[in-house]
Amino acid sequence: PKLKAAFPKMHVSWVYRNQADQDSFVALRKSRAMYPRSAHNKQNRQFKPCARAFDLFEIGDDNVPRWNADKFQQVATWLLHQGYPLREPYPIMYIDPDGIKHYDYPHFECRQDIPQP
């Protein structure tokens, strides 16, 4: 609720993904992590589904989704100042097989479980 008040045009696109969703994301090359290796598909100590990541997007004034790196950096800074258990450093960076660096700006990882509702 606080995030929505601070960034009213920000929306959550994904938190927990089950195996079918994760397999689909990998097939579509929207994720590189096979189930259950993604931070979006974990289990807590009671073996219940949870996540350690969430993805965001912003809706522009024209109702079109936007993925603006500067805006995501503002959100990350705000979350950290609020004491949210965001994993640092942000953004998550990975190197592809060709050695090119990529930053996953809409992807936020946490140091603790996000329960599956």
C-alpha atoms as a PDB file:
ATOM      1  CA  PRO A   1       0.000   0.000   0.000  1.00  0.00           C
ATOM      2  CA  LYS A   2       2.795   2.472   0.765  1.00  0.00           C
ATOM      3  CA  LEU A   3       4.446   1.753  -2.589  1.00  0.00           C
ATOM      4  CA  LYS A   4       1.193   2.470  -4.413  1.00  0.00           C
ATOM      5  CA  ALA A   5       0.819   5.768  -2.550  1.00  0.00           C
ATOM      6  CA  ALA A   6       4.377   6.814  -3.421  1.00  0.00           C
ATOM      7  CA  PHE A   7       4.264   5.509  -7.016  1.00  0.00           C
ATOM      8  CA  PRO A   8       0.584   5.373  -8.041  1.00  0.00           C
ATOM      9  CA  LYS A   9       1.302   4.310 -11.625  1.00  0.00           C
ATOM     10  CA  MET A  10       3.500   1.346 -10.584  1.00  0.00           C
ATOM     11  CA  HIS A  11       1.980  -2.127 -10.741  1.00  0.00           C
ATOM     12  CA  VAL A  12       3.160  -5.614  -9.801  1.00  0.00           C
ATOM     13  CA  SER A  13       3.256  -7.979 -12.757  1.00  0.00           C
ATOM     14  CA  TRP A  14       4.630 -11.118 -11.073  1.00  0.00           C
ATOM     15  CA  VAL A  15       5.482 -12.381  -7.614  1.00  0.00           C
ATOM     16  CA  TYR A  16       5.116 -16.179  -7.298  1.00  0.00           C
ATOM     17  CA  ARG A  17       5.219 -18.347 -10.433  1.00  0.00           C
ATOM     18  CA  ASN A  18       4.272 -22.021 -10.386  1.00  0.00           C
ATOM     19  CA  GLN A  19       6.127 -24.583 -12.491  1.00  0.00           C
ATOM     20  CA  ALA A  20       3.894 -24.209 -15.557  1.00  0.00           C
ATOM     21  CA  ASP A  21       4.284 -20.417 -15.521  1.00  0.00           C
ATOM     22  CA  GLN A  22       8.047 -20.618 -14.999  1.00  0.00           C
ATOM     23  CA  ASP A  23       8.461 -23.208 -17.773  1.00  0.00           C
ATOM     24  CA  SER A  24       6.483 -20.914 -20.076  1.00  0.00           C
ATOM     25  CA  PHE A  25       8.673 -17.923 -19.180  1.00  0.00           C
ATOM     26  CA  VAL A  26      11.807 -19.945 -19.957  1.00  0.00           C
ATOM     27  CA  ALA A  27      10.353 -21.163 -23.274  1.00  0.00           C
ATOM     28  CA  LEU A  28       9.495 -17.560 -24.221  1.00  0.00           C
ATOM     29  CA  ARG A  29      12.992 -16.413 -23.096  1.00  0.00           C
ATOM     30  CA  LYS A  30      11.474 -14.119 -20.487  1.00  0.00           C
ATOM     31  CA  SER A  31      13.446 -15.976 -17.801  1.00  0.00           C
ATOM     32  CA  ARG A  32      16.693 -17.908 -17.796  1.00  0.00           C
ATOM     33  CA  ALA A  33      16.024 -19.821 -14.568  1.00  0.00           C
ATOM     34  CA  MET A  34      14.337 -23.207 -14.713  1.00  0.00           C
ATOM     35  CA  TYR A  35      11.801 -24.074 -12.013  1.00  0.00           C
ATOM     36  CA  PRO A  36      12.486 -24.004  -9.016  1.00  0.00           C
ATOM     37  CA  ARG A  37      15.728 -22.028  -9.445  1.00  0.00           C
ATOM     38  CA  SER A  38      14.044 -18.672 -10.003  1.00  0.00           C
ATOM     39  CA  ALA A  39      13.543 -16.328  -7.070  1.00  0.00           C
ATOM     40  CA  HIS A  40       9.902 -16.275  -8.215  1.00  0.00           C
ATOM     41  CA  ASN A  41       9.356 -19.922  -7.253  1.00  0.00           C
ATOM     42  CA  LYS A  42      10.577 -20.895  -3.822  1.00  0.00           C
ATOM     43  CA  GLN A  43       9.195 -22.749  -0.833  1.00  0.00           C
ATOM     44  CA  ASN A  44       9.296 -21.511   2.732  1.00  0.00           C
ATOM     45  CA  ARG A  45      10.365 -23.632   5.717  1.00  0.00           C
ATOM     46  CA  GLN A  46       6.880 -25.101   5.901  1.00  0.00           C
ATOM     47  CA  PHE A  47       7.208 -26.127   2.208  1.00  0.00           C
ATOM     48  CA  LYS A  48       4.524 -23.652   1.149  1.00  0.00           C
ATOM     49  CA  PRO A  49       4.917 -21.703  -2.125  1.00  0.00           C
ATOM     50  CA  CYS A  50       6.456 -18.277  -1.794  1.00  0.00           C
ATOM     51  CA  ALA A  51       8.687 -15.954  -3.755  1.00  0.00           C
ATOM     52  CA  ARG A  52      11.778 -13.911  -3.106  1.00  0.00           C
ATOM     53  CA  ALA A  53      11.216 -11.616  -6.069  1.00  0.00           C
ATOM     54  CA  PHE A  54       8.625  -9.380  -7.652  1.00  0.00           C
ATOM     55  CA  ASP A  55       8.461  -7.629 -11.004  1.00  0.00           C
ATOM     56  CA  LEU A  56       7.028  -4.174 -11.597  1.00  0.00           C
ATOM     57  CA  PHE A  57       5.852  -2.082 -14.513  1.00  0.00           C
ATOM     58  CA  GLU A  58       4.539   1.442 -14.796  1.00  0.00           C
ATOM     59  CA  ILE A  59       1.410   2.544 -16.647  1.00  0.00           C
ATOM     60  CA  GLY A  60       1.923   5.769 -18.587  1.00  0.00           C
ATOM     61  CA  ASP A  61      -0.656   8.528 -19.014  1.00  0.00           C
ATOM     62  CA  ASP A  62      -1.599   6.838 -22.305  1.00  0.00           C
ATOM     63  CA  ASN A  63      -2.349   3.557 -20.426  1.00  0.00           C
ATOM     64  CA  VAL A  64       0.644   1.854 -22.065  1.00  0.00           C
ATOM     65  CA  PRO A  65       3.030  -0.183 -19.867  1.00  0.00           C
ATOM     66  CA  ARG A  66       6.457   1.371 -19.425  1.00  0.00           C
ATOM     67  CA  TRP A  67       9.764  -0.036 -18.180  1.00  0.00           C
ATOM     68  CA  ASN A  68      11.885   2.982 -17.306  1.00  0.00           C
ATOM     69  CA  ALA A  69      15.247   2.181 -15.676  1.00  0.00           C
ATOM     70  CA  ASP A  70      15.443   5.548 -13.891  1.00  0.00           C
ATOM     71  CA  LYS A  71      11.969   5.090 -12.390  1.00  0.00           C
ATOM     72  CA  PHE A  72      12.829   1.567 -11.192  1.00  0.00           C
ATOM     73  CA  GLN A  73      15.985   2.947  -9.563  1.00  0.00           C
ATOM     74  CA  GLN A  74      13.826   5.532  -7.764  1.00  0.00           C
ATOM     75  CA  VAL A  75      11.531   2.733  -6.543  1.00  0.00           C
ATOM     76  CA  ALA A  76      14.504   0.656  -5.338  1.00  0.00           C
ATOM     77  CA  THR A  77      15.961   3.622  -3.444  1.00  0.00           C
ATOM     78  CA  TRP A  78      12.555   4.374  -1.908  1.00  0.00           C
ATOM     79  CA  LEU A  79      12.058   0.701  -0.865  1.00  0.00           C
ATOM     80  CA  LEU A  80      15.483   0.599   0.773  1.00  0.00           C
ATOM     81  CA  HIS A  81      14.800   3.857   2.654  1.00  0.00           C
ATOM     82  CA  GLN A  82      11.501   2.345   3.852  1.00  0.00           C
ATOM     83  CA  GLY A  83      13.449  -0.591   5.315  1.00  0.00           C
ATOM     84  CA  TYR A  84      12.121  -3.095   2.786  1.00  0.00           C
ATOM     85  CA  PRO A  85      14.371  -6.194   2.724  1.00  0.00           C
ATOM     86  CA  LEU A  86      15.515  -5.622  -0.849  1.00  0.00           C
ATOM     87  CA  ARG A  87      18.532  -7.616  -1.939  1.00  0.00           C
ATOM     88  CA  GLU A  88      21.393  -5.384  -2.962  1.00  0.00           C
ATOM     89  CA  PRO A  89      22.952  -4.470  -5.244  1.00  0.00           C
ATOM     90  CA  TYR A  90      20.047  -3.335  -7.372  1.00  0.00           C
ATOM     91  CA  PRO A  91      19.539  -3.845 -10.267  1.00  0.00           C
ATOM     92  CA  ILE A  92      20.312  -7.532 -10.676  1.00  0.00           C
ATOM     93  CA  MET A  93      22.988  -7.884 -13.351  1.00  0.00           C
ATOM     94  CA  TYR A  94      23.805 -10.940 -15.412  1.00  0.00           C
ATOM     95  CA  ILE A  95      26.241 -11.654 -18.226  1.00  0.00           C
ATOM     96  CA  ASP A  96      24.931 -13.499 -21.274  1.00  0.00           C
ATOM     97  CA  PRO A  97      26.901 -16.218 -23.109  1.00  0.00           C
ATOM     98  CA  ASP A  98      28.379 -13.545 -25.413  1.00  0.00           C
ATOM     99  CA  GLY A  99      29.794 -11.677 -22.402  1.00  0.00           C
ATOM    100  CA  ILE A 100      27.316  -8.799 -22.623  1.00  0.00           C
ATOM    101  CA  LYS A 101      26.048  -7.311 -19.346  1.00  0.00           C
ATOM    102  CA  HIS A 102      22.301  -7.019 -18.856  1.00  0.00           C
ATOM    103  CA  TYR A 103      20.426  -5.343 -16.019  1.00  0.00           C
ATOM    104  CA  ASP A 104      17.028  -6.661 -14.924  1.00  0.00           C
ATOM    105  CA  TYR A 105      15.454  -3.376 -13.801  1.00  0.00           C
ATOM    106  CA  PRO A 106      11.830  -4.448 -13.277  1.00  0.00           C
ATOM    107  CA  HIS A 107      12.999  -7.431 -11.169  1.00  0.00           C
ATOM    108  CA  PHE A 108      13.356  -6.829  -7.419  1.00  0.00           C
ATOM    109  CA  GLU A 109      14.712  -9.543  -5.124  1.00  0.00           C
ATOM    110  CA  CYS A 110      14.133  -9.748  -1.388  1.00  0.00           C
ATOM    111  CA  ARG A 111      16.163 -11.147   1.495  1.00  0.00           C
ATOM    112  CA  GLN A 112      13.060 -12.816   2.933  1.00  0.00           C
ATOM    113  CA  ASP A 113      10.061 -14.781   1.669  1.00  0.00           C
ATOM    114  CA  ILE A 114       7.030 -13.131   0.094  1.00  0.00           C
ATOM    115  CA  PRO A 115       4.089 -15.407   1.030  1.00  0.00           C
ATOM    116  CA  GLN A 116       1.878 -16.778  -1.726  1.00  0.00           C
ATOM    117  CA  PRO A 117      -1.683 -15.525  -1.034  1.00  0.00           C
END
